[in-house]
């Protein structure tokens, strides 16, 4: 319950059904399998062009499509060109 409450207060793209349903499933209350999502894979599969990512993370608006789901894979010069800084520094 605490995790679901926390997510409800902090997620930008919060959805009541997904949140509480997934927390119930994670707690073993649904009797079914427990899904473990790969967020990068899900993002690439369902937000191919990165529109959703860019909507909620406008800092990534200038990042090329190739890197929008994994911006940490960009080179330092490309990060600088795109106006982003990921990692220490």
N, C-alpha and C. Protein backbone atom coordinates (compact mmCIF):
# COMPACT_ATOMS: atom_id res chain seq x y z
N UNK A 1 0.81 -1.18 0.00
CA UNK A 1 0.00 0.00 0.00
C UNK A 1 0.87 1.25 0.00
N UNK A 2 1.97 1.22 0.73
CA UNK A 2 2.83 2.40 0.79
C UNK A 2 3.45 2.73 -0.56
N UNK A 3 3.86 1.69 -1.29
CA UNK A 3 4.44 1.91 -2.61
C UNK A 3 3.43 2.51 -3.57
N UNK A 4 2.21 1.99 -3.56
CA UNK A 4 1.17 2.50 -4.45
C UNK A 4 0.84 3.95 -4.09
N UNK A 5 0.78 4.25 -2.81
CA UNK A 5 0.53 5.64 -2.38
C UNK A 5 1.64 6.57 -2.85
N UNK A 6 2.88 6.11 -2.71
CA UNK A 6 4.02 6.93 -3.11
C UNK A 6 3.98 7.19 -4.62
N UNK A 7 3.74 6.14 -5.40
CA UNK A 7 3.67 6.31 -6.85
C UNK A 7 2.54 7.26 -7.22
N UNK A 8 1.41 7.15 -6.54
CA UNK A 8 0.26 8.01 -6.83
C UNK A 8 0.64 9.48 -6.65
N UNK A 9 1.46 9.76 -5.68
CA UNK A 9 1.85 11.15 -5.40
C UNK A 9 2.97 11.66 -6.28
N UNK A 10 3.81 10.77 -6.82
CA UNK A 10 5.01 11.25 -7.50
C UNK A 10 5.10 10.99 -9.00
N UNK A 11 4.39 10.00 -9.53
CA UNK A 11 4.52 9.71 -10.96
C UNK A 11 3.86 10.79 -11.81
N UNK A 12 4.55 11.21 -12.85
CA UNK A 12 3.99 12.19 -13.77
C UNK A 12 2.87 11.60 -14.62
N UNK A 13 3.01 10.32 -14.96
CA UNK A 13 2.04 9.67 -15.84
C UNK A 13 1.19 8.67 -15.07
N UNK A 14 0.87 8.99 -13.85
CA UNK A 14 0.13 8.10 -12.96
C UNK A 14 -1.22 7.68 -13.54
N UNK A 15 -1.51 6.39 -13.43
CA UNK A 15 -2.81 5.85 -13.82
C UNK A 15 -3.28 4.96 -12.68
N UNK A 16 -4.44 5.25 -12.11
CA UNK A 16 -4.93 4.54 -10.93
C UNK A 16 -5.03 3.04 -11.16
N UNK A 17 -5.51 2.63 -12.32
CA UNK A 17 -5.72 1.20 -12.58
C UNK A 17 -4.40 0.45 -12.73
N UNK A 18 -3.49 1.00 -13.50
CA UNK A 18 -2.20 0.35 -13.68
C UNK A 18 -1.44 0.29 -12.36
N UNK A 19 -1.44 1.39 -11.64
CA UNK A 19 -0.68 1.46 -10.40
C UNK A 19 -1.17 0.44 -9.37
N UNK A 20 -2.42 0.55 -8.99
CA UNK A 20 -2.93 -0.33 -7.93
C UNK A 20 -3.01 -1.78 -8.39
N UNK A 21 -3.36 -2.01 -9.65
CA UNK A 21 -3.38 -3.38 -10.17
C UNK A 21 -2.01 -4.03 -10.13
N UNK A 22 -1.00 -3.29 -10.54
CA UNK A 22 0.36 -3.84 -10.54
C UNK A 22 0.89 -4.05 -9.13
N UNK A 23 0.55 -3.15 -8.21
CA UNK A 23 1.00 -3.35 -6.83
C UNK A 23 0.30 -4.56 -6.21
N UNK A 24 -0.96 -4.76 -6.51
CA UNK A 24 -1.66 -5.95 -6.01
C UNK A 24 -1.05 -7.22 -6.58
N UNK A 25 -0.74 -7.20 -7.86
CA UNK A 25 -0.12 -8.35 -8.50
C UNK A 25 1.25 -8.62 -7.89
N UNK A 26 2.03 -7.58 -7.69
CA UNK A 26 3.35 -7.72 -7.10
C UNK A 26 3.31 -8.27 -5.69
N UNK A 27 2.22 -8.01 -4.99
CA UNK A 27 2.07 -8.51 -3.63
C UNK A 27 1.52 -9.94 -3.61
N UNK A 28 1.27 -10.52 -4.79
CA UNK A 28 0.78 -11.89 -4.87
C UNK A 28 -0.71 -12.03 -4.63
N UNK A 29 -1.45 -10.93 -4.75
CA UNK A 29 -2.87 -10.97 -4.44
C UNK A 29 -3.75 -11.37 -5.61
N UNK A 30 -3.16 -11.52 -6.80
CA UNK A 30 -3.98 -11.83 -7.97
C UNK A 30 -3.93 -13.31 -8.34
N UNK A 31 -3.03 -14.05 -7.74
CA UNK A 31 -2.94 -15.48 -8.01
C UNK A 31 -2.31 -15.82 -9.34
N UNK A 32 -1.94 -14.83 -10.11
CA UNK A 32 -1.35 -15.08 -11.42
C UNK A 32 0.14 -14.87 -11.41
N UNK A 33 0.67 -14.76 -12.59
CA UNK A 33 2.11 -14.56 -12.71
C UNK A 33 2.48 -13.13 -12.36
N UNK A 34 3.72 -12.93 -12.03
CA UNK A 34 4.22 -11.60 -11.72
C UNK A 34 5.04 -11.13 -12.92
N UNK A 35 4.58 -10.06 -13.55
CA UNK A 35 5.29 -9.51 -14.70
C UNK A 35 6.45 -8.64 -14.23
N UNK A 36 7.55 -8.80 -14.88
CA UNK A 36 8.70 -7.93 -14.63
C UNK A 36 8.97 -7.22 -15.95
N UNK A 37 8.73 -5.93 -15.95
CA UNK A 37 8.85 -5.17 -17.18
C UNK A 37 10.25 -4.64 -17.39
N UNK A 38 10.69 -4.70 -18.63
CA UNK A 38 11.92 -4.06 -19.04
C UNK A 38 11.50 -2.70 -19.60
N UNK A 39 11.77 -1.67 -18.84
CA UNK A 39 11.25 -0.35 -19.19
C UNK A 39 11.79 0.14 -20.53
N UNK A 40 13.04 -0.12 -20.83
CA UNK A 40 13.60 0.32 -22.11
C UNK A 40 12.90 -0.42 -23.25
N UNK A 41 12.72 -1.73 -23.11
CA UNK A 41 12.04 -2.50 -24.16
C UNK A 41 10.61 -2.02 -24.36
N UNK A 42 9.88 -1.83 -23.25
CA UNK A 42 8.50 -1.36 -23.34
C UNK A 42 8.45 0.00 -24.04
N UNK A 43 9.37 0.86 -23.67
CA UNK A 43 9.41 2.19 -24.26
C UNK A 43 9.66 2.12 -25.76
N UNK A 44 10.61 1.30 -26.17
CA UNK A 44 10.90 1.16 -27.60
C UNK A 44 9.74 0.52 -28.35
N UNK A 45 9.07 -0.45 -27.73
CA UNK A 45 7.96 -1.14 -28.38
C UNK A 45 6.72 -0.25 -28.55
N UNK A 46 6.43 0.57 -27.55
CA UNK A 46 5.16 1.30 -27.55
C UNK A 46 5.29 2.80 -27.77
N UNK A 47 6.50 3.31 -27.80
CA UNK A 47 6.73 4.74 -28.04
C UNK A 47 7.90 4.86 -29.01
N UNK A 48 7.74 4.24 -30.16
CA UNK A 48 8.84 4.09 -31.11
C UNK A 48 9.58 5.40 -31.40
N UNK A 49 8.85 6.45 -31.66
CA UNK A 49 9.49 7.73 -32.00
C UNK A 49 9.87 8.57 -30.81
N UNK A 50 9.52 8.13 -29.59
CA UNK A 50 9.88 8.86 -28.40
C UNK A 50 8.98 10.03 -28.05
N UNK A 51 7.80 10.11 -28.67
CA UNK A 51 6.90 11.24 -28.40
C UNK A 51 6.48 11.31 -26.93
N UNK A 52 6.14 10.18 -26.36
CA UNK A 52 5.69 10.14 -24.97
C UNK A 52 6.84 10.51 -24.03
N UNK A 53 8.02 9.96 -24.29
CA UNK A 53 9.19 10.29 -23.47
C UNK A 53 9.47 11.78 -23.53
N UNK A 54 9.43 12.34 -24.71
CA UNK A 54 9.72 13.77 -24.86
C UNK A 54 8.64 14.65 -24.23
N UNK A 55 7.41 14.17 -24.23
CA UNK A 55 6.33 14.93 -23.58
C UNK A 55 6.62 15.09 -22.09
N UNK A 56 7.00 13.99 -21.43
CA UNK A 56 7.20 14.01 -19.98
C UNK A 56 8.62 14.32 -19.57
N UNK A 57 9.56 14.24 -20.49
CA UNK A 57 10.96 14.59 -20.21
C UNK A 57 11.42 15.56 -21.29
N UNK A 58 10.94 16.79 -21.22
CA UNK A 58 11.26 17.75 -22.28
C UNK A 58 12.76 18.02 -22.42
N UNK A 59 13.54 17.66 -21.41
CA UNK A 59 14.99 17.81 -21.51
C UNK A 59 15.56 16.96 -22.64
N UNK A 60 14.80 15.94 -23.07
CA UNK A 60 15.27 15.04 -24.13
C UNK A 60 14.74 15.43 -25.51
N UNK A 61 14.14 16.60 -25.62
CA UNK A 61 13.50 16.98 -26.89
C UNK A 61 14.46 17.02 -28.06
N UNK A 62 15.73 17.34 -27.83
CA UNK A 62 16.70 17.43 -28.93
C UNK A 62 17.52 16.16 -29.12
N UNK A 63 17.24 15.13 -28.35
CA UNK A 63 17.98 13.87 -28.46
C UNK A 63 17.47 13.10 -29.68
N UNK A 64 18.37 12.58 -30.50
CA UNK A 64 17.94 11.80 -31.67
C UNK A 64 17.09 10.59 -31.27
N UNK A 65 16.17 10.22 -32.14
CA UNK A 65 15.29 9.07 -31.88
C UNK A 65 16.08 7.84 -31.44
N UNK A 66 17.21 7.63 -32.05
CA UNK A 66 18.02 6.45 -31.77
C UNK A 66 18.39 6.35 -30.28
N UNK A 67 18.49 7.49 -29.61
CA UNK A 67 18.94 7.51 -28.22
C UNK A 67 17.89 7.96 -27.22
N UNK A 68 16.70 8.32 -27.68
CA UNK A 68 15.72 8.90 -26.76
C UNK A 68 15.32 7.95 -25.64
N UNK A 69 15.37 6.66 -25.88
CA UNK A 69 15.01 5.67 -24.85
C UNK A 69 16.22 5.23 -24.02
N UNK A 70 17.41 5.55 -24.49
CA UNK A 70 18.64 5.20 -23.79
C UNK A 70 19.64 6.34 -23.94
N UNK A 71 19.31 7.51 -23.43
CA UNK A 71 20.18 8.67 -23.65
C UNK A 71 21.57 8.53 -23.03
N UNK A 72 21.72 7.65 -22.06
CA UNK A 72 23.02 7.44 -21.44
C UNK A 72 24.02 6.79 -22.38
N UNK A 73 23.54 6.30 -23.53
CA UNK A 73 24.43 5.68 -24.52
C UNK A 73 25.03 6.70 -25.49
N UNK A 74 24.62 7.95 -25.39
CA UNK A 74 25.17 8.98 -26.28
C UNK A 74 26.61 9.29 -25.88
N UNK A 75 27.38 9.72 -26.85
CA UNK A 75 28.73 10.17 -26.56
C UNK A 75 28.66 11.53 -25.85
N UNK A 76 29.73 11.89 -25.17
CA UNK A 76 29.79 13.20 -24.50
C UNK A 76 29.56 14.34 -25.50
N UNK A 77 30.23 14.32 -26.68
CA UNK A 77 30.00 15.41 -27.64
C UNK A 77 28.53 15.50 -28.11
N UNK A 78 27.89 14.34 -28.30
CA UNK A 78 26.49 14.35 -28.74
C UNK A 78 25.59 14.88 -27.63
N UNK A 79 25.88 14.49 -26.38
CA UNK A 79 25.11 15.04 -25.26
C UNK A 79 25.21 16.56 -25.24
N UNK A 80 26.43 17.04 -25.41
CA UNK A 80 26.65 18.49 -25.41
C UNK A 80 25.88 19.16 -26.55
N UNK A 81 25.92 18.54 -27.72
CA UNK A 81 25.20 19.06 -28.89
C UNK A 81 23.69 19.12 -28.64
N UNK A 82 23.17 18.12 -27.92
CA UNK A 82 21.73 18.03 -27.64
C UNK A 82 21.32 18.83 -26.41
N UNK A 83 22.31 19.34 -25.68
CA UNK A 83 21.99 20.14 -24.50
C UNK A 83 21.60 19.33 -23.28
N UNK A 84 22.10 18.09 -23.19
CA UNK A 84 21.81 17.24 -22.03
C UNK A 84 23.11 16.80 -21.38
N UNK A 85 23.03 16.53 -20.09
CA UNK A 85 24.17 15.99 -19.36
C UNK A 85 23.64 14.84 -18.52
N UNK A 86 24.15 13.65 -18.79
CA UNK A 86 23.71 12.47 -18.06
C UNK A 86 24.91 11.87 -17.37
N UNK A 87 24.78 11.66 -16.09
CA UNK A 87 25.87 11.08 -15.33
C UNK A 87 26.59 12.13 -14.51
N UNK A 88 27.69 11.73 -13.89
CA UNK A 88 28.42 12.65 -13.02
C UNK A 88 28.99 13.83 -13.81
N UNK A 89 29.12 14.89 -13.09
CA UNK A 89 29.77 16.02 -13.76
C UNK A 89 29.11 17.25 -13.53
